[in-house]
Amino acid sequence: MSENSSNSRSGGMSALGLLGVVFVTLKLLGITAVASWSWWWVTAPFWGGLAIFVVVFLIAALCVVVAAMFSK
């Protein structure tokens, strides 16, 4: 056997992905309070991580720009 072979497999669904699937299923079936939520909140587990990353990146970029303006 080669040194690089392994029996582990990568992939699968993340916890947020699974939560998103559960929310969409509950919304479509009209079960629990999830049925009254906006679709933005139901799908938030799918896009929420990216949105948080973008906000943090924009805040960091703004800090760099402000610091560059004051260092002159």
C-alpha atoms as a PDB file:
ATOM      1  CA  MET A   1       0.000   0.000   0.000  1.00  0.00           C
ATOM      2  CA  SER A   2       1.183   3.509  -0.621  1.00  0.00           C
ATOM      3  CA  GLU A   3       1.839   5.973   2.159  1.00  0.00           C
ATOM      4  CA  ASN A   4      -0.813   8.392   0.916  1.00  0.00           C
ATOM      5  CA  SER A   5      -3.753   5.998   0.976  1.00  0.00           C
ATOM      6  CA  SER A   6      -6.291   6.234   3.744  1.00  0.00           C
ATOM      7  CA  ASN A   7      -9.690   4.867   4.564  1.00  0.00           C
ATOM      8  CA  SER A   8     -11.202   8.198   5.587  1.00  0.00           C
ATOM      9  CA  ARG A   9     -13.619  10.019   3.336  1.00  0.00           C
ATOM     10  CA  SER A  10     -14.126  13.749   3.220  1.00  0.00           C
ATOM     11  CA  GLY A  11     -17.247  15.649   2.329  1.00  0.00           C
ATOM     12  CA  GLY A  12     -20.716  15.511   3.700  1.00  0.00           C
ATOM     13  CA  MET A  13     -22.986  18.170   5.074  1.00  0.00           C
ATOM     14  CA  SER A  14     -22.023  20.751   7.658  1.00  0.00           C
ATOM     15  CA  ALA A  15     -24.103  21.472  10.730  1.00  0.00           C
ATOM     16  CA  LEU A  16     -25.341  24.737   9.195  1.00  0.00           C
ATOM     17  CA  GLY A  17     -26.246  22.963   5.960  1.00  0.00           C
ATOM     18  CA  LEU A  18     -28.238  20.380   7.873  1.00  0.00           C
ATOM     19  CA  LEU A  19     -29.954  23.116   9.876  1.00  0.00           C
ATOM     20  CA  GLY A  20     -30.861  24.880   6.632  1.00  0.00           C
ATOM     21  CA  VAL A  21     -32.377  21.712   5.194  1.00  0.00           C
ATOM     22  CA  VAL A  22     -34.397  21.201   8.386  1.00  0.00           C
ATOM     23  CA  PHE A  23     -35.658  24.813   8.307  1.00  0.00           C
ATOM     24  CA  VAL A  24     -36.675  24.582   4.638  1.00  0.00           C
ATOM     25  CA  THR A  25     -38.457  21.276   5.269  1.00  0.00           C
ATOM     26  CA  LEU A  26     -40.354  22.671   8.257  1.00  0.00           C
ATOM     27  CA  LYS A  27     -41.288  25.801   6.279  1.00  0.00           C
ATOM     28  CA  LEU A  28     -42.592  23.805   3.318  1.00  0.00           C
ATOM     29  CA  LEU A  29     -44.552  21.429   5.542  1.00  0.00           C
ATOM     30  CA  GLY A  30     -45.981  24.303   7.587  1.00  0.00           C
ATOM     31  CA  ILE A  31     -44.816  22.778  10.862  1.00  0.00           C
ATOM     32  CA  THR A  32     -43.954  24.787  14.009  1.00  0.00           C
ATOM     33  CA  ALA A  33     -43.166  28.488  14.156  1.00  0.00           C
ATOM     34  CA  VAL A  34     -40.706  28.138  11.268  1.00  0.00           C
ATOM     35  CA  ALA A  35     -43.683  28.222   8.887  1.00  0.00           C
ATOM     36  CA  SER A  36     -44.287  31.882   9.738  1.00  0.00           C
ATOM     37  CA  TRP A  37     -40.659  32.934   9.266  1.00  0.00           C
ATOM     38  CA  SER A  38     -39.517  34.910   6.234  1.00  0.00           C
ATOM     39  CA  TRP A  39     -37.648  32.934   3.605  1.00  0.00           C
ATOM     40  CA  TRP A  40     -34.619  35.140   4.356  1.00  0.00           C
ATOM     41  CA  TRP A  41     -34.426  33.672   7.868  1.00  0.00           C
ATOM     42  CA  VAL A  42     -35.203  30.142   6.721  1.00  0.00           C
ATOM     43  CA  THR A  43     -32.315  30.196   4.254  1.00  0.00           C
ATOM     44  CA  ALA A  44     -29.941  32.096   6.577  1.00  0.00           C
ATOM     45  CA  PRO A  45     -27.911  28.989   7.508  1.00  0.00           C
ATOM     46  CA  PHE A  46     -26.913  28.670   3.834  1.00  0.00           C
ATOM     47  CA  TRP A  47     -25.726  32.256   3.286  1.00  0.00           C
ATOM     48  CA  GLY A  48     -25.213  33.557   6.838  1.00  0.00           C
ATOM     49  CA  GLY A  49     -21.569  32.537   7.133  1.00  0.00           C
ATOM     50  CA  LEU A  50     -20.667  34.340   3.923  1.00  0.00           C
ATOM     51  CA  ALA A  51     -22.587  37.445   5.009  1.00  0.00           C
ATOM     52  CA  ILE A  52     -20.717  37.576   8.319  1.00  0.00           C
ATOM     53  CA  PHE A  53     -17.393  37.142   6.506  1.00  0.00           C
ATOM     54  CA  VAL A  54     -18.203  39.994   4.098  1.00  0.00           C
ATOM     55  CA  VAL A  55     -19.220  42.331   6.948  1.00  0.00           C
ATOM     56  CA  VAL A  56     -16.037  41.579   8.908  1.00  0.00           C
ATOM     57  CA  PHE A  57     -13.940  42.074   5.759  1.00  0.00           C
ATOM     58  CA  LEU A  58     -15.590  45.429   5.013  1.00  0.00           C
ATOM     59  CA  ILE A  59     -15.072  46.640   8.587  1.00  0.00           C
ATOM     60  CA  ALA A  60     -11.403  45.614   8.436  1.00  0.00           C
ATOM     61  CA  ALA A  61     -10.959  47.358   5.078  1.00  0.00           C
ATOM     62  CA  LEU A  62     -12.587  50.501   6.452  1.00  0.00           C
ATOM     63  CA  CYS A  63     -10.221  50.443   9.441  1.00  0.00           C
ATOM     64  CA  VAL A  64      -7.226  50.153   7.114  1.00  0.00           C
ATOM     65  CA  VAL A  65      -8.433  53.055   4.974  1.00  0.00           C
ATOM     66  CA  VAL A  66      -9.090  55.281   8.012  1.00  0.00           C
ATOM     67  CA  ALA A  67      -5.711  54.407   9.521  1.00  0.00           C
ATOM     68  CA  ALA A  68      -3.990  55.246   6.208  1.00  0.00           C
ATOM     69  CA  MET A  69      -5.789  58.594   6.073  1.00  0.00           C
ATOM     70  CA  PHE A  70      -4.678  59.553   9.580  1.00  0.00           C
ATOM     71  CA  SER A  71      -1.089  58.398   9.162  1.00  0.00           C
ATOM     72  CA  LYS A  72      -0.351  61.045   6.530  1.00  0.00           C
END
